[in-house]
C-alpha atoms as a PDB file:
ATOM      1  CA  MET A   1     -40.860   4.283-169.913  1.00  0.00           C
ATOM      2  CA  PRO A   2     -41.594   0.743-171.369  1.00  0.00           C
ATOM      3  CA  ARG A   3     -39.240  -1.027-173.962  1.00  0.00           C
ATOM      4  CA  ASN A   4     -40.932  -2.903-176.783  1.00  0.00           C
ATOM      5  CA  SER A   5     -38.617  -5.168-178.195  1.00  0.00           C
ATOM      6  CA  LYS A   6     -40.161  -4.538-181.528  1.00  0.00           C
ATOM      7  CA  ASP A   7     -39.570  -0.735-181.438  1.00  0.00           C
ATOM      8  CA  SER A   8     -37.457   0.300-184.164  1.00  0.00           C
ATOM      9  CA  VAL A   9     -34.063   1.463-184.074  1.00  0.00           C
ATOM     10  CA  ILE A  10     -34.879   4.836-184.059  1.00  0.00           C
ATOM     11  CA  GLN A  11     -37.526   4.863-181.455  1.00  0.00           C
ATOM     12  CA  LYS A  12     -35.064   3.318-179.077  1.00  0.00           C
ATOM     13  CA  ILE A  13     -32.644   6.144-179.701  1.00  0.00           C
ATOM     14  CA  ALA A  14     -35.174   8.532-179.066  1.00  0.00           C
ATOM     15  CA  ARG A  15     -36.277   7.245-175.868  1.00  0.00           C
ATOM     16  CA  GLN A  16     -32.554   6.916-174.883  1.00  0.00           C
ATOM     17  CA  ALA A  17     -31.891  10.301-175.809  1.00  0.00           C
ATOM     18  CA  TYR A  18     -34.385  11.301-173.698  1.00  0.00           C
ATOM     19  CA  VAL A  19     -33.235   9.528-170.999  1.00  0.00           C
ATOM     20  CA  THR A  20     -29.528  10.797-171.159  1.00  0.00           C
ATOM     21  CA  PHE A  21     -30.608  14.231-171.817  1.00  0.00           C
ATOM     22  CA  LYS A  22     -33.694  15.428-170.041  1.00  0.00           C
ATOM     23  CA  ASN A  23     -31.741  16.530-166.783  1.00  0.00           C
ATOM     24  CA  PHE A  24     -28.480  16.779-168.397  1.00  0.00           C
ATOM     25  CA  ASN A  25     -25.915  19.123-166.294  1.00  0.00           C
ATOM     26  CA  ALA A  26     -22.375  19.160-167.806  1.00  0.00           C
ATOM     27  CA  SER A  27     -21.002  19.817-164.608  1.00  0.00           C
ATOM     28  CA  ALA A  28     -22.210  16.630-163.201  1.00  0.00           C
ATOM     29  CA  ILE A  29     -20.776  14.356-165.638  1.00  0.00           C
ATOM     30  CA  GLY A  30     -17.136  13.822-163.996  1.00  0.00           C
ATOM     31  CA  ASP A  31     -17.075  10.179-162.547  1.00  0.00           C
ATOM     32  CA  ASN A  32     -21.199   9.932-162.798  1.00  0.00           C
ATOM     33  CA  LYS A  33     -21.443   6.357-163.970  1.00  0.00           C
ATOM     34  CA  THR A  34     -25.140   6.372-164.315  1.00  0.00           C
ATOM     35  CA  LEU A  35     -24.862   9.263-166.741  1.00  0.00           C
ATOM     36  CA  LEU A  36     -21.940   7.813-168.400  1.00  0.00           C
ATOM     37  CA  ASP A  37     -23.520   4.608-169.007  1.00  0.00           C
ATOM     38  CA  SER A  38     -26.620   6.096-170.475  1.00  0.00           C
ATOM     39  CA  GLN A  39     -24.361   8.343-172.944  1.00  0.00           C
ATOM     40  CA  GLY A  40     -22.560   4.955-173.529  1.00  0.00           C
ATOM     41  CA  ASN A  41     -26.155   3.265-174.406  1.00  0.00           C
ATOM     42  CA  LEU A  42     -26.952   5.858-176.688  1.00  0.00           C
ATOM     43  CA  VAL A  43     -23.683   5.578-178.664  1.00  0.00           C
ATOM     44  CA  SER A  44     -23.945   2.011-179.160  1.00  0.00           C
ATOM     45  CA  LEU A  45     -27.515   2.420-180.323  1.00  0.00           C
ATOM     46  CA  LEU A  46     -26.419   5.223-182.620  1.00  0.00           C
ATOM     47  CA  THR A  47     -23.742   2.947-183.943  1.00  0.00           C
ATOM     48  CA  GLU A  48     -26.251   0.437-185.043  1.00  0.00           C
ATOM     49  CA  ILE A  49     -28.503   2.597-186.907  1.00  0.00           C
ATOM     50  CA  ARG A  50     -28.053   2.459-191.190  1.00  0.00           C
ATOM     51  CA  ALA A  51     -30.204   4.613-193.736  1.00  0.00           C
ATOM     52  CA  ALA A  52     -32.459   1.453-194.506  1.00  0.00           C
ATOM     53  CA  ASP A  53     -33.751   1.561-190.824  1.00  0.00           C
ATOM     54  CA  LEU A  54     -34.899   5.184-191.416  1.00  0.00           C
ATOM     55  CA  ASN A  55     -36.373   4.059-194.992  1.00  0.00           C
ATOM     56  CA  ILE A  56     -33.666   6.349-196.929  1.00  0.00           C
ATOM     57  CA  ALA A  57     -31.857   5.397-199.739  1.00  0.00           C
ATOM     58  CA  PRO A  58     -28.739   6.756-200.667  1.00  0.00           C
ATOM     59  CA  ARG A  59     -28.738   9.384-203.350  1.00  0.00           C
ATOM     60  CA  GLN A  60     -26.928   9.330-206.197  1.00  0.00           C
ATOM     61  CA  SER A  61     -24.328  11.877-207.874  1.00  0.00           C
ATOM     62  CA  THR A  62     -25.863  13.987-210.916  1.00  0.00           C
ATOM     63  CA  ASP A  63     -24.193  15.627-213.570  1.00  0.00           C
ATOM     64  CA  SER A  64     -26.730  18.205-214.121  1.00  0.00           C
ATOM     65  CA  LYS A  65     -26.365  21.809-214.241  1.00  0.00           C
ATOM     66  CA  PRO A  66     -26.216  23.674-211.198  1.00  0.00           C
ATOM     67  CA  ASP A  67     -29.423  24.956-209.810  1.00  0.00           C
ATOM     68  CA  ARG A  68     -31.169  26.839-207.211  1.00  0.00           C
ATOM     69  CA  THR A  69     -32.231  23.814-205.034  1.00  0.00           C
ATOM     70  CA  PRO A  70     -30.842  23.630-201.508  1.00  0.00           C
ATOM     71  CA  PRO A  71     -27.029  22.113-201.101  1.00  0.00           C
ATOM     72  CA  VAL A  72     -28.652  20.642-197.697  1.00  0.00           C
ATOM     73  CA  THR A  73     -31.918  19.663-196.716  1.00  0.00           C
ATOM     74  CA  TYR A  74     -33.275  18.226-193.283  1.00  0.00           C
ATOM     75  CA  MET A  75     -35.819  15.729-192.209  1.00  0.00           C
ATOM     76  CA  HIS A  76     -37.254  16.875-189.032  1.00  0.00           C
ATOM     77  CA  ILE A  77     -38.066  13.347-187.015  1.00  0.00           C
ATOM     78  CA  CYS A  78     -38.701  14.640-183.605  1.00  0.00           C
ATOM     79  CA  GLU A  79     -38.240  17.428-180.802  1.00  0.00           C
ATOM     80  CA  THR A  80     -38.552  17.594-176.932  1.00  0.00           C
ATOM     81  CA  ASP A  81     -37.268  19.970-174.254  1.00  0.00           C
ATOM     82  CA  ALA A  82     -34.470  17.421-174.218  1.00  0.00           C
ATOM     83  CA  PHE A  83     -33.135  16.903-177.368  1.00  0.00           C
ATOM     84  CA  SER A  84     -34.042  17.440-181.099  1.00  0.00           C
ATOM     85  CA  MET A  85     -33.589  14.961-183.996  1.00  0.00           C
ATOM     86  CA  GLY A  86     -33.393  14.752-187.353  1.00  0.00           C
ATOM     87  CA  VAL A  87     -31.482  13.910-190.714  1.00  0.00           C
ATOM     88  CA  PHE A  88     -29.359  16.379-192.794  1.00  0.00           C
ATOM     89  CA  LEU A  89     -28.727  15.301-196.580  1.00  0.00           C
ATOM     90  CA  LEU A  90     -25.710  16.913-198.370  1.00  0.00           C
ATOM     91  CA  LYS A  91     -25.451  16.818-202.118  1.00  0.00           C
ATOM     92  CA  SER A  92     -22.474  15.796-203.600  1.00  0.00           C
ATOM     93  CA  GLY A  93     -19.783  18.693-202.701  1.00  0.00           C
ATOM     94  CA  ALA A  94     -21.983  20.452-200.214  1.00  0.00           C
ATOM     95  CA  SER A  95     -20.938  21.960-197.204  1.00  0.00           C
ATOM     96  CA  ILE A  96     -22.345  22.850-194.000  1.00  0.00           C
ATOM     97  CA  PRO A  97     -20.372  25.906-192.795  1.00  0.00           C
ATOM     98  CA  LEU A  98     -18.368  26.093-189.862  1.00  0.00           C
ATOM     99  CA  HIS A  99     -20.932  26.701-186.936  1.00  0.00           C
ATOM    100  CA  ASP A 100     -21.518  26.273-183.285  1.00  0.00           C
ATOM    101  CA  HIS A 101     -23.899  25.062-180.891  1.00  0.00           C
ATOM    102  CA  PRO A 102     -23.928  26.851-177.695  1.00  0.00           C
ATOM    103  CA  GLY A 103     -24.407  25.265-174.503  1.00  0.00           C
ATOM    104  CA  MET A 104     -25.574  22.089-176.468  1.00  0.00           C
ATOM    105  CA  ASN A 105     -24.326  18.343-176.853  1.00  0.00           C
ATOM    106  CA  GLY A 106     -24.633  16.990-180.255  1.00  0.00           C
ATOM    107  CA  MET A 107     -24.121  13.783-181.775  1.00  0.00           C
ATOM    108  CA  LEU A 108     -23.726  13.007-185.658  1.00  0.00           C
ATOM    109  CA  LYS A 109     -24.008   9.183-187.170  1.00  0.00           C
ATOM    110  CA  VAL A 110     -23.880   9.186-190.794  1.00  0.00           C
ATOM    111  CA  LEU A 111     -26.232   6.639-192.683  1.00  0.00           C
ATOM    112  CA  TYR A 112     -24.711   6.902-196.096  1.00  0.00           C
ATOM    113  CA  GLY A 113     -21.760   8.636-197.889  1.00  0.00           C
ATOM    114  CA  LYS A 114     -18.823  10.021-196.213  1.00  0.00           C
ATOM    115  CA  VAL A 115     -18.050  13.163-194.343  1.00  0.00           C
ATOM    116  CA  SER A 116     -15.173  15.191-193.303  1.00  0.00           C
ATOM    117  CA  ILE A 117     -15.224  16.832-190.053  1.00  0.00           C
ATOM    118  CA  ARG A 118     -13.159  19.719-188.642  1.00  0.00           C
ATOM    119  CA  CYS A 119     -14.009  20.291-185.024  1.00  0.00           C
ATOM    120  CA  PHE A 120     -12.612  23.360-183.075  1.00  0.00           C
ATOM    121  CA  ASP A 121     -12.790  24.922-179.494  1.00  0.00           C
ATOM    122  CA  LYS A 122     -13.084  28.535-178.339  1.00  0.00           C
ATOM    123  CA  LEU A 123     -10.567  29.738-176.051  1.00  0.00           C
ATOM    124  CA  GLU A 124     -11.343  31.806-173.389  1.00  0.00           C
ATOM    125  CA  LYS A 125      -8.798  34.209-173.498  1.00  0.00           C
ATOM    126  CA  PRO A 126     -10.006  37.344-175.459  1.00  0.00           C
ATOM    127  CA  PRO A 127      -8.507  38.938-178.808  1.00  0.00           C
ATOM    128  CA  ASP A 128      -5.163  40.133-177.717  1.00  0.00           C
ATOM    129  CA  THR A 129      -5.172  43.821-178.506  1.00  0.00           C
ATOM    130  CA  GLU A 130      -1.809  44.359-177.668  1.00  0.00           C
ATOM    131  CA  ASN A 131      -0.591  42.465-180.298  1.00  0.00           C
ATOM    132  CA  ASP A 132      -0.617  43.615-183.625  1.00  0.00           C
ATOM    133  CA  THR A 133      -1.495  40.283-185.553  1.00  0.00           C
ATOM    134  CA  GLN A 134      -2.335  41.125-189.145  1.00  0.00           C
ATOM    135  CA  PHE A 135      -4.516  39.352-191.258  1.00  0.00           C
ATOM    136  CA  ASP A 136      -4.621  38.502-195.039  1.00  0.00           C
ATOM    137  CA  PRO A 137      -6.600  40.481-195.974  1.00  0.00           C
ATOM    138  CA  PRO A 138      -6.505  42.777-193.657  1.00  0.00           C
ATOM    139  CA  LEU A 139      -9.160  43.140-191.044  1.00  0.00           C
ATOM    140  CA  PRO A 140     -11.349  46.393-190.617  1.00  0.00           C
ATOM    141  CA  ALA A 141     -11.134  47.712-186.875  1.00  0.00           C
ATOM    142  CA  PHE A 142     -14.812  47.303-186.375  1.00  0.00           C
ATOM    143  CA  GLN A 143     -14.697  43.542-186.851  1.00  0.00           C
ATOM    144  CA  ASN A 144     -12.314  43.328-183.590  1.00  0.00           C
ATOM    145  CA  ASP A 145     -15.378  42.435-181.259  1.00  0.00           C
ATOM    146  CA  SER A 146     -16.004  39.581-183.563  1.00  0.00           C
ATOM    147  CA  LEU A 147     -12.533  38.177-183.368  1.00  0.00           C
ATOM    148  CA  ARG A 148     -12.770  34.654-181.372  1.00  0.00           C
ATOM    149  CA  ARG A 149      -9.597  32.994-180.879  1.00  0.00           C
ATOM    150  CA  SER A 150      -9.597  28.713-181.057  1.00  0.00           C
ATOM    151  CA  ILE A 151      -7.927  25.376-181.808  1.00  0.00           C
ATOM    152  CA  LEU A 152      -8.363  23.080-184.151  1.00  0.00           C
ATOM    153  CA  ARG A 153      -9.340  20.237-181.528  1.00  0.00           C
ATOM    154  CA  SER A 154      -9.958  17.545-184.533  1.00  0.00           C
ATOM    155  CA  THR A 155     -10.291  16.553-188.227  1.00  0.00           C
ATOM    156  CA  GLY A 156     -11.853  13.295-189.530  1.00  0.00           C
ATOM    157  CA  GLU A 157     -13.693  11.542-191.992  1.00  0.00           C
ATOM    158  CA  TYR A 158     -17.199   9.380-190.772  1.00  0.00           C
ATOM    159  CA  SER A 159     -18.795   6.858-192.849  1.00  0.00           C
ATOM    160  CA  GLU A 160     -21.663   4.281-192.055  1.00  0.00           C
ATOM    161  CA  ASP A 161     -19.159   1.927-190.466  1.00  0.00           C
ATOM    162  CA  SER A 162     -17.929   4.888-188.006  1.00  0.00           C
ATOM    163  CA  GLY A 163     -19.367   5.481-184.832  1.00  0.00           C
ATOM    164  CA  PRO A 164     -20.633   8.899-184.151  1.00  0.00           C
ATOM    165  CA  CYS A 165     -19.164  12.169-183.963  1.00  0.00           C
ATOM    166  CA  ILE A 166     -19.910  13.755-180.528  1.00  0.00           C
ATOM    167  CA  LEU A 167     -19.492  16.974-179.325  1.00  0.00           C
ATOM    168  CA  THR A 168     -20.096  18.687-175.939  1.00  0.00           C
ATOM    169  CA  PRO A 169     -20.800  22.282-174.848  1.00  0.00           C
ATOM    170  CA  GLU A 170     -16.940  22.293-174.133  1.00  0.00           C
ATOM    171  CA  GLN A 171     -15.598  20.716-176.551  1.00  0.00           C
ATOM    172  CA  ASP A 172     -15.465  20.254-180.339  1.00  0.00           C
ATOM    173  CA  ASN A 173     -18.573  22.346-180.401  1.00  0.00           C
ATOM    174  CA  LEU A 174     -17.532  24.264-183.596  1.00  0.00           C
ATOM    175  CA  HIS A 175     -17.515  22.401-186.653  1.00  0.00           C
ATOM    176  CA  GLN A 176     -17.681  22.163-190.334  1.00  0.00           C
ATOM    177  CA  ILE A 177     -19.232  19.382-191.995  1.00  0.00           C
ATOM    178  CA  ASP A 178     -18.263  18.546-195.847  1.00  0.00           C
ATOM    179  CA  ALA A 179     -19.602  15.936-198.285  1.00  0.00           C
ATOM    180  CA  VAL A 180     -16.609  13.762-199.487  1.00  0.00           C
ATOM    181  CA  GLU A 181     -16.855  11.966-202.858  1.00  0.00           C
ATOM    182  CA  GLY A 182     -20.612  11.919-203.344  1.00  0.00           C
ATOM    183  CA  PRO A 183     -23.787  12.910-201.426  1.00  0.00           C
ATOM    184  CA  ALA A 184     -23.913  12.310-197.552  1.00  0.00           C
ATOM    185  CA  ALA A 185     -26.761  12.038-195.047  1.00  0.00           C
ATOM    186  CA  PHE A 186     -26.139  11.863-191.492  1.00  0.00           C
ATOM    187  CA  LEU A 187     -28.452  11.388-188.178  1.00  0.00           C
ATOM    188  CA  ASP A 188     -28.245  14.557-185.828  1.00  0.00           C
ATOM    189  CA  ILE A 189     -28.919  15.010-182.013  1.00  0.00           C
ATOM    190  CA  LEU A 190     -28.997  18.239-180.291  1.00  0.00           C
ATOM    191  CA  ALA A 191     -29.411  18.437-176.766  1.00  0.00           C
ATOM    192  CA  PRO A 192     -30.923  20.676-175.469  1.00  0.00           C
ATOM    193  CA  PRO A 193     -32.457  22.043-179.018  1.00  0.00           C
ATOM    194  CA  TYR A 194     -31.752  25.527-180.385  1.00  0.00           C
ATOM    195  CA  ASP A 195     -33.600  28.026-178.610  1.00  0.00           C
ATOM    196  CA  PRO A 196     -32.492  31.826-179.559  1.00  0.00           C
ATOM    197  CA  ASP A 197     -34.757  33.025-176.605  1.00  0.00           C
ATOM    198  CA  ASP A 198     -32.194  30.533-173.989  1.00  0.00           C
ATOM    199  CA  GLY A 199     -29.125  31.695-175.588  1.00  0.00           C
ATOM    200  CA  ARG A 200     -28.895  28.766-177.967  1.00  0.00           C
ATOM    201  CA  ASP A 201     -28.590  30.357-181.496  1.00  0.00           C
ATOM    202  CA  CYS A 202     -26.256  29.133-184.366  1.00  0.00           C
ATOM    203  CA  HIS A 203     -23.494  31.713-185.176  1.00  0.00           C
ATOM    204  CA  TYR A 204     -21.356  31.297-188.190  1.00  0.00           C
ATOM    205  CA  TYR A 205     -17.435  31.482-188.708  1.00  0.00           C
ATOM    206  CA  LYS A 206     -14.360  31.503-190.723  1.00  0.00           C
ATOM    207  CA  VAL A 207     -11.124  30.654-190.316  1.00  0.00           C
ATOM    208  CA  LEU A 208      -8.771  33.799-190.709  1.00  0.00           C
ATOM    209  CA  GLN A 209      -5.120  33.598-192.586  1.00  0.00           C
ATOM    210  CA  THR A 210      -2.520  35.852-190.708  1.00  0.00           C
ATOM    211  CA  VAL A 211       0.259  37.498-192.482  1.00  0.00           C
ATOM    212  CA  VAL A 212       2.647  35.193-191.538  1.00  0.00           C
ATOM    213  CA  GLY A 213       2.454  31.378-193.292  1.00  0.00           C
ATOM    214  CA  THR A 214      -0.646  33.040-195.510  1.00  0.00           C
ATOM    215  CA  ASP A 215      -0.154  30.403-198.074  1.00  0.00           C
ATOM    216  CA  LYS A 216      -1.078  27.783-195.119  1.00  0.00           C
ATOM    217  CA  LYS A 217      -4.636  26.373-196.039  1.00  0.00           C
ATOM    218  CA  LEU A 218      -7.254  25.026-193.748  1.00  0.00           C
ATOM    219  CA  GLU A 219      -6.750  21.650-194.541  1.00  0.00           C
ATOM    220  CA  GLN A 220      -2.829  21.951-193.899  1.00  0.00           C
ATOM    221  CA  HIS A 221      -3.618  22.841-189.983  1.00  0.00           C
ATOM    222  CA  GLU A 222      -2.575  20.720-187.674  1.00  0.00           C
ATOM    223  CA  GLU A 223      -4.524  19.633-184.658  1.00  0.00           C
ATOM    224  CA  GLY A 224      -4.042  21.353-181.926  1.00  0.00           C
ATOM    225  CA  GLU A 225      -2.928  24.519-183.388  1.00  0.00           C
ATOM    226  CA  GLU A 226      -4.498  27.957-182.204  1.00  0.00           C
ATOM    227  CA  MET A 227      -5.971  30.514-184.731  1.00  0.00           C
ATOM    228  CA  TRP A 228      -8.335  32.994-185.276  1.00  0.00           C
ATOM    229  CA  LEU A 229     -12.244  32.615-186.334  1.00  0.00           C
ATOM    230  CA  LEU A 230     -14.187  35.755-187.336  1.00  0.00           C
ATOM    231  CA  GLU A 231     -18.011  35.430-187.093  1.00  0.00           C
ATOM    232  CA  ILE A 232     -19.939  36.076-189.735  1.00  0.00           C
ATOM    233  CA  PRO A 233     -23.347  36.070-191.234  1.00  0.00           C
ATOM    234  CA  GLN A 234     -24.799  32.845-192.796  1.00  0.00           C
ATOM    235  CA  PRO A 235     -22.869  32.527-195.869  1.00  0.00           C
ATOM    236  CA  GLU A 236     -24.790  33.054-198.782  1.00  0.00           C
ATOM    237  CA  ASP A 237     -23.942  30.115-200.489  1.00  0.00           C
ATOM    238  CA  PHE A 238     -24.931  27.961-198.123  1.00  0.00           C
ATOM    239  CA  TRP A 239     -29.305  27.311-196.966  1.00  0.00           C
ATOM    240  CA  CYS A 240     -31.168  24.312-195.826  1.00  0.00           C
ATOM    241  CA  GLY A 241     -34.523  23.078-197.127  1.00  0.00           C
ATOM    242  CA  GLY A 242     -36.708  20.811-195.796  1.00  0.00           C
ATOM    243  CA  GLU A 243     -38.152  17.456-196.939  1.00  0.00           C
ATOM    244  CA  PRO A 244     -40.637  15.063-195.019  1.00  0.00           C
ATOM    245  CA  TYR A 245     -38.887  12.108-193.186  1.00  0.00           C
ATOM    246  CA  PRO A 246     -40.144   8.719-194.284  1.00  0.00           C
ATOM    247  CA  GLY A 247     -39.190   6.464-191.676  1.00  0.00           C
ATOM    248  CA  PRO A 248     -40.897   5.086-188.768  1.00  0.00           C
ATOM    249  CA  ALA A 249     -42.930   7.193-186.213  1.00  0.00           C
ATOM    250  CA  VAL A 250     -41.363   8.429-183.217  1.00  0.00           C
ATOM    251  CA  SER A 251     -42.884   9.086-179.654  1.00  0.00           C
ATOM    252  CA  ILE A 252     -41.553  10.197-176.528  1.00  0.00           C
END
């Protein structure tokens, strides 16, 4: 693909994302210098992007009464068979609930505002039916198949001055994103895109509290701590609307 020095930053990001992920094989990363260099180039480009590059202006908090407009909206930029890219915009206090990206890579770069991100990994070992773990509140038996052991991998706050948050199919794949101290927006790359027909569908989870230490809040969990997740339907208080993307056109 020829490069033009006058290309917009978002065009350069799209082309680099395609180069990075068009033949992506997670098991082949290892010491693959070409692939690692390609990912490094993409991270460098993402670190440069700002809201103004996409003709997006930071939105202000409002004191208006609660309404039924979406807490989160999405601006679609582009999608190929290798990746999809767009911008998520969160109202003040909004949250994208704990969810996964099965078999997918992700890169998230804050454009304005601040977000808190908690990342989890699923553990391969299945629920231990011999361990009489008790939850608070008690869990009905029919939900046992929806239990997942997990580990809290990382927590952190990201702003426009931060580098991108990166997830892989194996690490940090489940995450929750909360707007902190006002509205926020971030550029989001998923590779490959969601495709339910190919096993890449979004699932939602909640963290369960056990009887031991029931006063422990999610914010108080320590990194590396094992815990239980329960797969749940999409929370009723979360939905995502759409709005036009105002930035430079992107072609692949």
